[in-house]
Amino acid sequence: MKLVFAGTPEVAVPALDALIASGRHEVAAVVTRPDAPAGRGRRLVASPVAQRAEEAGIEVLKPAKPRDPEFQERLREIAPDCCPVVAYGALLPKSALEIPVHGWVNLHFSLLPAWRGAAPVQHSIMAGDEITGASTFLIEEGLDSGPLYGTVTEEIRPTDTSGDLLTRLAFAGAGLLAATMDGVEDGSLRAVPQPGEGITVAPKITVEDAQVDWATPALRVDRVVRGCTPAPGAWTTFRGERLKLVHVTPLPERNDLAPGVLDVAKNNVYVGTGSYAVELLWVQAQGKKPMRAADWARGARIGHGESLGR
C-alpha cells in the first residue's frame, strides 16, 4: 500500500522504521508537527520523525494544523491508501480522515479501551497496573474510541519508569503496526468495536499532578515517581524550593517516620509516607544536575526533624 505516516516524537521513529523496512509498503510522505524551539538557544529544530524521514529521502509535511487546505490538497495529490499514526500530536478533522481509502490507523500505547488519551503509559504505572500493551485502531472523531485491529501485551516491571516502558512499547508496537498494515492490505484484518466496559481515560500529566503527597502510601509515592519519569518529573519541596525526585524505593521494614520527615544516615536518605518509608536514591535540586540523594543531603546539611513538602 501507499502510506503517509503521521508522527512526531522519538517514540514514533521505530514504527516509521518498521514500515520503511517492511518491503510491502511505500511510505510516500510523513506528516509531523512544525519545527519547535529547543535547547538553550531556542532555535527551531525538526521533530525526530521529520529528521528520520529526511534521512530516508521521504517527503515531509509540516502543517500548522491538519485542517489547513494546502495540506489536505497535497494529501489528496499523494492519494495514500492508508495513514498510520503514532503520537502525531494534533486532532485530525473529518475532512482529513476521509482522504485515505483505508482511513487513519493509530498505534496507541495501552490495551484499549483502557487509558484513552494523551498519557496512557504514565497513568498505567501510576494506577499500579501489572499488564499494559499497545493497540492499533481505526481513528474516528471520538477520543481513541475507534474500532480495534490488534493488540500486543507488555508486563509492567516493578522498577519501570514511564520512559522504560514506553521504549519497549515503541518497538513492540512498531511490529504490531506493520502487521496491521499487512492485514489491511490483504483484507485479512477487520476492525472490531471496542468493548463498552473497562473504559478509562489518561489525560496529559501536568506539573501539579507530579507533586508527591507524602501522606499517601509508599507504593503510591513510588508509582508517581516512576510514572512521571522522565516527564514531567515528580517533585516535592525542601526549604521552600522545588526538589525533583528521580528514583525512590519503598522500604516496608521502616515504619517509624511521619509523612515527609527525613532521616539521614551516612549513605542513605529516608523519608516517611502515609504507610512506611521510602529511600531517596537520586534527586535533583533546582539549578543542579541529578545526584545521589546521600550527596545532596550532605551538601544540604539536613537537620534533625526536617521534612519534605512543607
C-alpha atoms as a PDB file:
ATOM      1  CA  MET A   1       0.000   0.000   0.000  1.00  0.00           C
ATOM      2  CA  LYS A   2       0.959   3.634  -0.388  1.00  0.00           C
ATOM      3  CA  LEU A   3       1.250   5.101   3.107  1.00  0.00           C
ATOM      4  CA  VAL A   4       1.536   8.572   4.600  1.00  0.00           C
ATOM      5  CA  PHE A   5       2.932   8.210   8.119  1.00  0.00           C
ATOM      6  CA  ALA A   6       1.976  10.727  10.825  1.00  0.00           C
ATOM      7  CA  GLY A   7       4.097  11.070  13.963  1.00  0.00           C
ATOM      8  CA  THR A   8       6.300  13.491  15.849  1.00  0.00           C
ATOM      9  CA  PRO A   9       8.438  12.354  18.848  1.00  0.00           C
ATOM     10  CA  GLU A  10      11.249   9.831  19.165  1.00  0.00           C
ATOM     11  CA  VAL A  11       8.816   7.130  20.309  1.00  0.00           C
ATOM     12  CA  ALA A  12       7.258   7.153  16.809  1.00  0.00           C
ATOM     13  CA  VAL A  13      10.521   6.513  14.972  1.00  0.00           C
ATOM     14  CA  PRO A  14      10.635   2.693  15.473  1.00  0.00           C
ATOM     15  CA  ALA A  15       7.217   2.395  13.784  1.00  0.00           C
ATOM     16  CA  LEU A  16       8.341   4.536  10.854  1.00  0.00           C
ATOM     17  CA  ASP A  17      11.470   2.400  10.523  1.00  0.00           C
ATOM     18  CA  ALA A  18       9.407  -0.797  10.586  1.00  0.00           C
ATOM     19  CA  LEU A  19       7.171   0.444   7.768  1.00  0.00           C
ATOM     20  CA  ILE A  20      10.124   1.607   5.683  1.00  0.00           C
ATOM     21  CA  ALA A  21      11.795  -1.793   6.140  1.00  0.00           C
ATOM     22  CA  SER A  22       8.656  -3.866   5.567  1.00  0.00           C
ATOM     23  CA  GLY A  23       9.162  -4.260   1.829  1.00  0.00           C
ATOM     24  CA  ARG A  24       5.400  -4.430   1.309  1.00  0.00           C
ATOM     25  CA  HIS A  25       4.505  -0.776   1.620  1.00  0.00           C
ATOM     26  CA  GLU A  26       5.649   2.545   0.183  1.00  0.00           C
ATOM     27  CA  VAL A  27       5.978   5.371   2.713  1.00  0.00           C
ATOM     28  CA  ALA A  28       5.266   8.187   0.280  1.00  0.00           C
ATOM     29  CA  ALA A  29       5.358  11.022   2.825  1.00  0.00           C
ATOM     30  CA  VAL A  30       5.471  11.845   6.521  1.00  0.00           C
ATOM     31  CA  VAL A  31       3.233  14.275   8.404  1.00  0.00           C
ATOM     32  CA  THR A  32       4.703  15.786  11.560  1.00  0.00           C
ATOM     33  CA  ARG A  33       4.386  18.810  13.803  1.00  0.00           C
ATOM     34  CA  PRO A  34       6.144  22.031  12.742  1.00  0.00           C
ATOM     35  CA  ASP A  35       9.723  22.655  13.894  1.00  0.00           C
ATOM     36  CA  ALA A  36       9.829  23.713  17.544  1.00  0.00           C
ATOM     37  CA  PRO A  37      12.298  25.734  19.679  1.00  0.00           C
ATOM     38  CA  ALA A  38      14.807  23.568  21.557  1.00  0.00           C
ATOM     39  CA  GLY A  39      17.990  23.917  23.596  1.00  0.00           C
ATOM     40  CA  ARG A  40      19.437  26.941  25.317  1.00  0.00           C
ATOM     41  CA  GLY A  41      19.472  28.946  22.109  1.00  0.00           C
ATOM     42  CA  ARG A  42      15.794  28.086  21.473  1.00  0.00           C
ATOM     43  CA  ARG A  43      16.497  27.588  17.780  1.00  0.00           C
ATOM     44  CA  LEU A  44      13.924  25.762  15.683  1.00  0.00           C
ATOM     45  CA  VAL A  45      14.547  22.017  15.432  1.00  0.00           C
ATOM     46  CA  ALA A  46      12.756  19.450  13.286  1.00  0.00           C
ATOM     47  CA  SER A  47      10.941  16.639  15.076  1.00  0.00           C
ATOM     48  CA  PRO A  48      12.654  13.233  15.407  1.00  0.00           C
ATOM     49  CA  VAL A  49      10.209  11.793  12.852  1.00  0.00           C
ATOM     50  CA  ALA A  50      10.985  14.596  10.394  1.00  0.00           C
ATOM     51  CA  GLN A  51      14.709  14.043  10.821  1.00  0.00           C
ATOM     52  CA  ARG A  52      14.377  10.295  10.209  1.00  0.00           C
ATOM     53  CA  ALA A  53      12.194  10.852   7.135  1.00  0.00           C
ATOM     54  CA  GLU A  54      14.658  13.325   5.672  1.00  0.00           C
ATOM     55  CA  GLU A  55      17.476  10.811   6.183  1.00  0.00           C
ATOM     56  CA  ALA A  56      15.407   8.263   4.246  1.00  0.00           C
ATOM     57  CA  GLY A  57      14.620  10.725   1.457  1.00  0.00           C
ATOM     58  CA  ILE A  58      10.897  10.842   2.249  1.00  0.00           C
ATOM     59  CA  GLU A  59       8.784  13.958   1.685  1.00  0.00           C
ATOM     60  CA  VAL A  60       7.945  15.741   4.963  1.00  0.00           C
ATOM     61  CA  LEU A  61       4.732  17.699   5.502  1.00  0.00           C
ATOM     62  CA  LYS A  62       4.563  20.073   8.483  1.00  0.00           C
ATOM     63  CA  PRO A  63       1.107  21.681   8.528  1.00  0.00           C
ATOM     64  CA  ALA A  64       0.383  24.137  11.326  1.00  0.00           C
ATOM     65  CA  LYS A  65      -2.984  22.363  11.588  1.00  0.00           C
ATOM     66  CA  PRO A  66      -4.222  19.243   9.762  1.00  0.00           C
ATOM     67  CA  ARG A  67      -7.283  21.189   8.606  1.00  0.00           C
ATOM     68  CA  ASP A  68      -5.091  23.525   6.506  1.00  0.00           C
ATOM     69  CA  PRO A  69      -6.427  23.425   2.904  1.00  0.00           C
ATOM     70  CA  GLU A  70      -2.909  23.329   1.399  1.00  0.00           C
ATOM     71  CA  PHE A  71      -2.011  20.269   3.465  1.00  0.00           C
ATOM     72  CA  GLN A  72      -5.205  18.423   2.609  1.00  0.00           C
ATOM     73  CA  GLU A  73      -4.772  19.214  -1.081  1.00  0.00           C
ATOM     74  CA  ARG A  74      -1.246  17.771  -1.029  1.00  0.00           C
ATOM     75  CA  LEU A  75      -2.564  14.684   0.766  1.00  0.00           C
ATOM     76  CA  ARG A  76      -5.159  14.196  -1.979  1.00  0.00           C
ATOM     77  CA  GLU A  77      -2.419  14.520  -4.599  1.00  0.00           C
ATOM     78  CA  ILE A  78      -0.371  11.794  -2.904  1.00  0.00           C
ATOM     79  CA  ALA A  79      -3.538   9.648  -2.660  1.00  0.00           C
ATOM     80  CA  PRO A  80      -2.458   7.323   0.175  1.00  0.00           C
ATOM     81  CA  ASP A  81      -4.215   4.022   0.705  1.00  0.00           C
ATOM     82  CA  CYS A  82      -3.793   4.390   4.483  1.00  0.00           C
ATOM     83  CA  CYS A  83      -2.255   6.783   7.016  1.00  0.00           C
ATOM     84  CA  PRO A  84      -0.634   5.048  10.008  1.00  0.00           C
ATOM     85  CA  VAL A  85      -0.283   7.329  13.047  1.00  0.00           C
ATOM     86  CA  VAL A  86       1.970   7.236  16.145  1.00  0.00           C
ATOM     87  CA  ALA A  87       1.924  10.152  18.606  1.00  0.00           C
ATOM     88  CA  TYR A  88       1.328  12.791  15.952  1.00  0.00           C
ATOM     89  CA  GLY A  89       0.057  15.337  18.466  1.00  0.00           C
ATOM     90  CA  ALA A  90      -2.807  17.060  16.649  1.00  0.00           C
ATOM     91  CA  LEU A  91      -6.504  16.333  16.199  1.00  0.00           C
ATOM     92  CA  LEU A  92      -7.487  15.181  12.729  1.00  0.00           C
ATOM     93  CA  PRO A  93     -10.644  16.745  11.269  1.00  0.00           C
ATOM     94  CA  LYS A  94     -13.218  14.668   9.415  1.00  0.00           C
ATOM     95  CA  SER A  95     -12.154  16.211   6.097  1.00  0.00           C
ATOM     96  CA  ALA A  96      -8.649  14.770   6.565  1.00  0.00           C
ATOM     97  CA  LEU A  97      -9.862  11.426   7.916  1.00  0.00           C
ATOM     98  CA  GLU A  98     -11.844  10.822   4.724  1.00  0.00           C
ATOM     99  CA  ILE A  99      -8.914  11.210   2.309  1.00  0.00           C
ATOM    100  CA  PRO A 100      -7.107   7.815   2.541  1.00  0.00           C
ATOM    101  CA  VAL A 101      -9.001   4.788   1.226  1.00  0.00           C
ATOM    102  CA  HIS A 102      -8.460   2.781   4.424  1.00  0.00           C
ATOM    103  CA  GLY A 103      -8.513   5.733   6.805  1.00  0.00           C
ATOM    104  CA  TRP A 104      -6.000   6.642   9.501  1.00  0.00           C
ATOM    105  CA  VAL A 105      -4.815   3.799  11.753  1.00  0.00           C
ATOM    106  CA  ASN A 106      -3.407   4.789  15.130  1.00  0.00           C
ATOM    107  CA  LEU A 107      -0.897   2.934  17.299  1.00  0.00           C
ATOM    108  CA  HIS A 108      -1.860   3.705  20.904  1.00  0.00           C
ATOM    109  CA  PHE A 109       0.204   2.626  23.905  1.00  0.00           C
ATOM    110  CA  SER A 110      -2.447   0.920  26.019  1.00  0.00           C
ATOM    111  CA  LEU A 111      -4.834  -2.010  25.858  1.00  0.00           C
ATOM    112  CA  LEU A 112      -7.879  -0.115  24.677  1.00  0.00           C
ATOM    113  CA  PRO A 113     -10.437   0.797  25.912  1.00  0.00           C
ATOM    114  CA  ALA A 114      -8.201   1.296  28.965  1.00  0.00           C
ATOM    115  CA  TRP A 115      -6.332   4.592  29.159  1.00  0.00           C
ATOM    116  CA  ARG A 116      -7.683   6.544  26.241  1.00  0.00           C
ATOM    117  CA  GLY A 117      -5.889   9.866  25.974  1.00  0.00           C
ATOM    118  CA  ALA A 118      -2.527  11.583  25.859  1.00  0.00           C
ATOM    119  CA  ALA A 119      -0.621   9.815  28.670  1.00  0.00           C
ATOM    120  CA  PRO A 120      -1.584   6.119  28.779  1.00  0.00           C
ATOM    121  CA  VAL A 121       1.825   4.810  29.873  1.00  0.00           C
ATOM    122  CA  GLN A 122       2.181   7.262  32.765  1.00  0.00           C
ATOM    123  CA  HIS A 123      -1.330   6.564  34.003  1.00  0.00           C
ATOM    124  CA  SER A 124      -0.931   2.773  33.800  1.00  0.00           C
ATOM    125  CA  ILE A 125       2.156   2.920  36.032  1.00  0.00           C
ATOM    126  CA  MET A 126       0.616   5.402  38.456  1.00  0.00           C
ATOM    127  CA  ALA A 127      -2.502   3.235  38.745  1.00  0.00           C
ATOM    128  CA  GLY A 128      -0.434   0.168  39.645  1.00  0.00           C
ATOM    129  CA  ASP A 129      -1.345  -1.862  36.551  1.00  0.00           C
ATOM    130  CA  GLU A 130       0.665  -5.045  36.125  1.00  0.00           C
ATOM    131  CA  ILE A 131      -0.034  -5.504  32.408  1.00  0.00           C
ATOM    132  CA  THR A 132      -0.347  -2.976  29.611  1.00  0.00           C
ATOM    133  CA  GLY A 133       0.286  -3.074  25.884  1.00  0.00           C
ATOM    134  CA  ALA A 134      -0.331  -1.374  22.574  1.00  0.00           C
ATOM    135  CA  SER A 135      -3.349  -1.270  20.271  1.00  0.00           C
ATOM    136  CA  THR A 136      -3.993  -0.389  16.653  1.00  0.00           C
ATOM    137  CA  PHE A 137      -7.367   1.104  15.788  1.00  0.00           C
ATOM    138  CA  LEU A 138      -9.159   2.999  13.062  1.00  0.00           C
ATOM    139  CA  ILE A 139      -9.324   6.663  14.005  1.00  0.00           C
ATOM    140  CA  GLU A 140     -12.753   8.252  14.237  1.00  0.00           C
ATOM    141  CA  GLU A 141     -13.768  11.625  15.657  1.00  0.00           C
ATOM    142  CA  GLY A 142     -14.048  10.361  19.276  1.00  0.00           C
ATOM    143  CA  LEU A 143     -11.082  10.168  21.659  1.00  0.00           C
ATOM    144  CA  ASP A 144      -9.265   6.875  20.928  1.00  0.00           C
ATOM    145  CA  SER A 145     -12.656   5.203  20.571  1.00  0.00           C
ATOM    146  CA  GLY A 146     -12.399   3.721  17.075  1.00  0.00           C
ATOM    147  CA  PRO A 147     -12.663   0.008  16.256  1.00  0.00           C
ATOM    148  CA  LEU A 148      -9.651  -2.189  17.034  1.00  0.00           C
ATOM    149  CA  TYR A 149      -7.407  -4.054  14.625  1.00  0.00           C
ATOM    150  CA  GLY A 150      -4.987  -5.701  17.062  1.00  0.00           C
ATOM    151  CA  THR A 151      -3.116  -5.604  20.367  1.00  0.00           C
ATOM    152  CA  VAL A 152       0.148  -6.728  21.953  1.00  0.00           C
ATOM    153  CA  THR A 153       0.682  -7.039  25.698  1.00  0.00           C
ATOM    154  CA  GLU A 154       3.630  -5.977  27.854  1.00  0.00           C
ATOM    155  CA  GLU A 155       4.376  -6.639  31.516  1.00  0.00           C
ATOM    156  CA  ILE A 156       4.956  -3.600  33.718  1.00  0.00           C
ATOM    157  CA  ARG A 157       8.064  -4.375  35.758  1.00  0.00           C
ATOM    158  CA  PRO A 158       8.303  -3.263  39.397  1.00  0.00           C
ATOM    159  CA  THR A 159      11.020  -0.707  38.649  1.00  0.00           C
ATOM    160  CA  ASP A 160       9.739   0.549  35.271  1.00  0.00           C
ATOM    161  CA  THR A 161       9.625   4.274  34.689  1.00  0.00           C
ATOM    162  CA  SER A 162       7.301   5.579  32.003  1.00  0.00           C
ATOM    163  CA  GLY A 163      10.397   6.111  29.863  1.00  0.00           C
ATOM    164  CA  ASP A 164      11.479   2.476  30.248  1.00  0.00           C
ATOM    165  CA  LEU A 165       8.040   1.118  29.460  1.00  0.00           C
ATOM    166  CA  LEU A 166       7.393   3.465  26.551  1.00  0.00           C
ATOM    167  CA  THR A 167      10.667   2.432  24.912  1.00  0.00           C
ATOM    168  CA  ARG A 168       9.676  -1.244  24.998  1.00  0.00           C
ATOM    169  CA  LEU A 169       6.167  -0.487  23.776  1.00  0.00           C
ATOM    170  CA  ALA A 170       7.516   1.627  20.904  1.00  0.00           C
ATOM    171  CA  PHE A 171       9.356  -1.382  19.471  1.00  0.00           C
ATOM    172  CA  ALA A 172       6.639  -3.943  20.204  1.00  0.00           C
ATOM    173  CA  GLY A 173       4.052  -1.553  18.792  1.00  0.00           C
ATOM    174  CA  ALA A 174       6.124  -0.972  15.650  1.00  0.00           C
ATOM    175  CA  GLY A 175       5.771  -4.653  14.780  1.00  0.00           C
ATOM    176  CA  LEU A 176       2.059  -4.540  15.529  1.00  0.00           C
ATOM    177  CA  LEU A 177       1.532  -1.505  13.287  1.00  0.00           C
ATOM    178  CA  ALA A 178       3.441  -3.105  10.399  1.00  0.00           C
ATOM    179  CA  ALA A 179       1.404  -6.307  10.787  1.00  0.00           C
ATOM    180  CA  THR A 180      -1.795  -4.249  10.870  1.00  0.00           C
ATOM    181  CA  MET A 181      -0.875  -2.569   7.594  1.00  0.00           C
ATOM    182  CA  ASP A 182      -0.243  -6.010   6.076  1.00  0.00           C
ATOM    183  CA  GLY A 183      -3.640  -7.216   7.250  1.00  0.00           C
ATOM    184  CA  VAL A 184      -5.451  -4.141   5.999  1.00  0.00           C
ATOM    185  CA  GLU A 185      -3.783  -4.519   2.609  1.00  0.00           C
ATOM    186  CA  ASP A 186      -4.634  -8.186   2.060  1.00  0.00           C
ATOM    187  CA  GLY A 187      -8.057  -7.972   3.703  1.00  0.00           C
ATOM    188  CA  SER A 188      -7.281 -10.452   6.472  1.00  0.00           C
ATOM    189  CA  LEU A 189      -7.965  -7.868   9.204  1.00  0.00           C
ATOM    190  CA  ARG A 190     -11.274  -6.290  10.043  1.00  0.00           C
ATOM    191  CA  ALA A 191     -11.622  -3.647  12.731  1.00  0.00           C
ATOM    192  CA  VAL A 192     -13.979  -4.654  15.560  1.00  0.00           C
ATOM    193  CA  PRO A 193     -15.710  -2.266  18.008  1.00  0.00           C
ATOM    194  CA  GLN A 194     -14.008  -1.642  21.335  1.00  0.00           C
ATOM    195  CA  PRO A 195     -15.620  -3.196  24.418  1.00  0.00           C
ATOM    196  CA  GLY A 196     -18.137  -0.950  26.107  1.00  0.00           C
ATOM    197  CA  GLU A 197     -16.755  -1.776  29.566  1.00  0.00           C
ATOM    198  CA  GLY A 198     -13.369  -1.015  31.104  1.00  0.00           C
ATOM    199  CA  ILE A 199     -13.052   2.473  29.647  1.00  0.00           C
ATOM    200  CA  THR A 200     -10.560   4.682  31.481  1.00  0.00           C
ATOM    201  CA  VAL A 201      -9.052   8.000  30.434  1.00  0.00           C
ATOM    202  CA  ALA A 202      -5.446   9.198  30.541  1.00  0.00           C
ATOM    203  CA  PRO A 203      -5.233  12.991  30.242  1.00  0.00           C
ATOM    204  CA  LYS A 204      -1.877  14.713  29.964  1.00  0.00           C
ATOM    205  CA  ILE A 205       0.100  14.659  33.235  1.00  0.00           C
ATOM    206  CA  THR A 206       0.579  18.212  34.488  1.00  0.00           C
ATOM    207  CA  VAL A 207       3.338  19.537  36.714  1.00  0.00           C
ATOM    208  CA  GLU A 208       0.768  19.772  39.509  1.00  0.00           C
ATOM    209  CA  ASP A 209      -0.116  16.085  39.051  1.00  0.00           C
ATOM    210  CA  ALA A 210       3.562  15.218  39.528  1.00  0.00           C
ATOM    211  CA  GLN A 211       3.830  16.719  43.029  1.00  0.00           C
ATOM    212  CA  VAL A 212       4.325  13.958  45.595  1.00  0.00           C
ATOM    213  CA  ASP A 213       1.919  13.834  48.529  1.00  0.00           C
ATOM    214  CA  TRP A 214       3.861  12.296  51.406  1.00  0.00           C
ATOM    215  CA  ALA A 215       0.631  11.469  53.263  1.00  0.00           C
ATOM    216  CA  THR A 216      -0.159   8.836  50.615  1.00  0.00           C
ATOM    217  CA  PRO A 217       1.195   5.265  50.947  1.00  0.00           C
ATOM    218  CA  ALA A 218       4.760   4.435  49.928  1.00  0.00           C
ATOM    219  CA  LEU A 219       3.606   2.402  46.927  1.00  0.00           C
ATOM    220  CA  ARG A 220       1.687   5.410  45.633  1.00  0.00           C
ATOM    221  CA  VAL A 221       4.737   7.651  46.066  1.00  0.00           C
ATOM    222  CA  ASP A 222       6.866   5.136  44.153  1.00  0.00           C
ATOM    223  CA  ARG A 223       4.317   4.903  41.329  1.00  0.00           C
ATOM    224  CA  VAL A 224       4.058   8.677  40.969  1.00  0.00           C
ATOM    225  CA  VAL A 225       7.847   8.997  40.767  1.00  0.00           C
ATOM    226  CA  ARG A 226       8.156   6.199  38.203  1.00  0.00           C
ATOM    227  CA  GLY A 227       5.130   7.312  36.207  1.00  0.00           C
ATOM    228  CA  CYS A 228       6.390  10.896  35.958  1.00  0.00           C
ATOM    229  CA  THR A 229       9.945   9.931  34.953  1.00  0.00           C
ATOM    230  CA  PRO A 230      11.334  11.323  32.717  1.00  0.00           C
ATOM    231  CA  ALA A 231       8.495  13.815  32.155  1.00  0.00           C
ATOM    232  CA  PRO A 232       7.165  15.954  33.650  1.00  0.00           C
ATOM    233  CA  GLY A 233       9.294  14.805  36.619  1.00  0.00           C
ATOM    234  CA  ALA A 234       7.992  14.039  40.110  1.00  0.00           C
ATOM    235  CA  TRP A 235       8.814  16.697  42.688  1.00  0.00           C
ATOM    236  CA  THR A 236       8.432  17.913  46.222  1.00  0.00           C
ATOM    237  CA  THR A 237       9.686  20.951  48.126  1.00  0.00           C
ATOM    238  CA  PHE A 238      12.554  21.349  50.585  1.00  0.00           C
ATOM    239  CA  ARG A 239      13.187  24.592  52.430  1.00  0.00           C
ATOM    240  CA  GLY A 240      10.778  26.319  50.079  1.00  0.00           C
ATOM    241  CA  GLU A 241      12.477  25.215  46.860  1.00  0.00           C
ATOM    242  CA  ARG A 242      11.471  22.521  44.420  1.00  0.00           C
ATOM    243  CA  LEU A 243      13.300  19.199  44.631  1.00  0.00           C
ATOM    244  CA  LYS A 244      12.921  16.733  41.763  1.00  0.00           C
ATOM    245  CA  LEU A 245      12.632  13.056  42.716  1.00  0.00           C
ATOM    246  CA  VAL A 246      14.422  10.866  40.194  1.00  0.00           C
ATOM    247  CA  HIS A 247      14.439   7.463  41.906  1.00  0.00           C
ATOM    248  CA  VAL A 248      12.991   6.152  45.170  1.00  0.00           C
ATOM    249  CA  THR A 249      12.431   2.682  46.577  1.00  0.00           C
ATOM    250  CA  PRO A 250       9.832   1.585  49.159  1.00  0.00           C
ATOM    251  CA  LEU A 251      11.104   0.110  52.446  1.00  0.00           C
ATOM    252  CA  PRO A 252       8.344  -1.886  54.203  1.00  0.00           C
ATOM    253  CA  GLU A 253      10.642  -2.519  57.193  1.00  0.00           C
ATOM    254  CA  ARG A 254      10.803   1.207  58.037  1.00  0.00           C
ATOM    255  CA  ASN A 255       7.528   2.448  59.541  1.00  0.00           C
ATOM    256  CA  ASP A 256       8.907   4.817  62.174  1.00  0.00           C
ATOM    257  CA  LEU A 257       8.834   8.101  60.189  1.00  0.00           C
ATOM    258  CA  ALA A 258       5.930  10.527  59.922  1.00  0.00           C
ATOM    259  CA  PRO A 259       4.896  11.608  56.407  1.00  0.00           C
ATOM    260  CA  GLY A 260       7.553  13.806  54.807  1.00  0.00           C
ATOM    261  CA  VAL A 261      10.028  13.581  57.708  1.00  0.00           C
ATOM    262  CA  LEU A 262      13.636  12.965  56.661  1.00  0.00           C
ATOM    263  CA  ASP A 263      16.125  10.601  58.289  1.00  0.00           C
ATOM    264  CA  VAL A 264      19.686  10.910  57.021  1.00  0.00           C
ATOM    265  CA  ALA A 265      22.302   8.199  57.578  1.00  0.00           C
ATOM    266  CA  LYS A 266      25.866   8.161  56.283  1.00  0.00           C
ATOM    267  CA  ASN A 267      24.989   6.783  52.845  1.00  0.00           C
ATOM    268  CA  ASN A 268      21.192   6.714  52.886  1.00  0.00           C
ATOM    269  CA  VAL A 269      18.289   9.150  52.965  1.00  0.00           C
ATOM    270  CA  TYR A 270      14.858   8.022  54.123  1.00  0.00           C
ATOM    271  CA  VAL A 271      11.550   9.855  54.142  1.00  0.00           C
ATOM    272  CA  GLY A 272       8.249   8.908  55.762  1.00  0.00           C
ATOM    273  CA  THR A 273       4.983   8.406  53.894  1.00  0.00           C
ATOM    274  CA  GLY A 274       1.416   7.549  54.826  1.00  0.00           C
ATOM    275  CA  SER A 275       2.430   3.906  55.286  1.00  0.00           C
ATOM    276  CA  TYR A 276       6.122   3.059  55.539  1.00  0.00           C
ATOM    277  CA  ALA A 277       9.267   4.897  54.474  1.00  0.00           C
ATOM    278  CA  VAL A 278      10.868   5.198  51.073  1.00  0.00           C
ATOM    279  CA  GLU A 279      14.572   5.634  50.433  1.00  0.00           C
ATOM    280  CA  LEU A 280      15.575   8.541  48.237  1.00  0.00           C
ATOM    281  CA  LEU A 281      18.174   7.277  45.779  1.00  0.00           C
ATOM    282  CA  TRP A 282      18.510  10.082  43.211  1.00  0.00           C
ATOM    283  CA  VAL A 283      17.265  13.668  43.405  1.00  0.00           C
ATOM    284  CA  GLN A 284      17.769  16.922  41.525  1.00  0.00           C
ATOM    285  CA  ALA A 285      17.828  20.264  43.316  1.00  0.00           C
ATOM    286  CA  GLN A 286      16.941  23.478  41.495  1.00  0.00           C
ATOM    287  CA  GLY A 287      19.733  24.550  39.164  1.00  0.00           C
ATOM    288  CA  LYS A 288      21.667  21.324  39.746  1.00  0.00           C
ATOM    289  CA  LYS A 289      22.228  18.080  37.884  1.00  0.00           C
ATOM    290  CA  PRO A 290      20.750  14.790  39.180  1.00  0.00           C
ATOM    291  CA  MET A 291      22.804  13.429  42.084  1.00  0.00           C
ATOM    292  CA  ARG A 292      22.750  10.670  44.626  1.00  0.00           C
ATOM    293  CA  ALA A 293      20.439  11.569  47.468  1.00  0.00           C
ATOM    294  CA  ALA A 294      23.164  10.951  50.049  1.00  0.00           C
ATOM    295  CA  ASP A 295      25.425  13.512  48.318  1.00  0.00           C
ATOM    296  CA  TRP A 296      22.571  16.010  48.186  1.00  0.00           C
ATOM    297  CA  ALA A 297      21.829  15.509  51.890  1.00  0.00           C
ATOM    298  CA  ARG A 298      25.466  16.057  52.877  1.00  0.00           C
ATOM    299  CA  GLY A 299      25.592  19.279  50.883  1.00  0.00           C
ATOM    300  CA  ALA A 300      22.283  20.495  52.321  1.00  0.00           C
ATOM    301  CA  ARG A 301      23.314  19.656  55.911  1.00  0.00           C
ATOM    302  CA  ILE A 302      19.849  18.429  56.787  1.00  0.00           C
ATOM    303  CA  GLY A 303      18.929  18.918  60.427  1.00  0.00           C
ATOM    304  CA  HIS A 304      17.058  16.548  62.724  1.00  0.00           C
ATOM    305  CA  GLY A 305      13.318  16.513  62.055  1.00  0.00           C
ATOM    306  CA  GLU A 306      13.429  18.425  58.749  1.00  0.00           C
ATOM    307  CA  SER A 307      10.748  17.484  56.252  1.00  0.00           C
ATOM    308  CA  LEU A 308       9.906  17.433  52.588  1.00  0.00           C
ATOM    309  CA  GLY A 309       6.779  19.001  51.186  1.00  0.00           C
ATOM    310  CA  ARG A 310       6.242  21.676  53.832  1.00  0.00           C
END
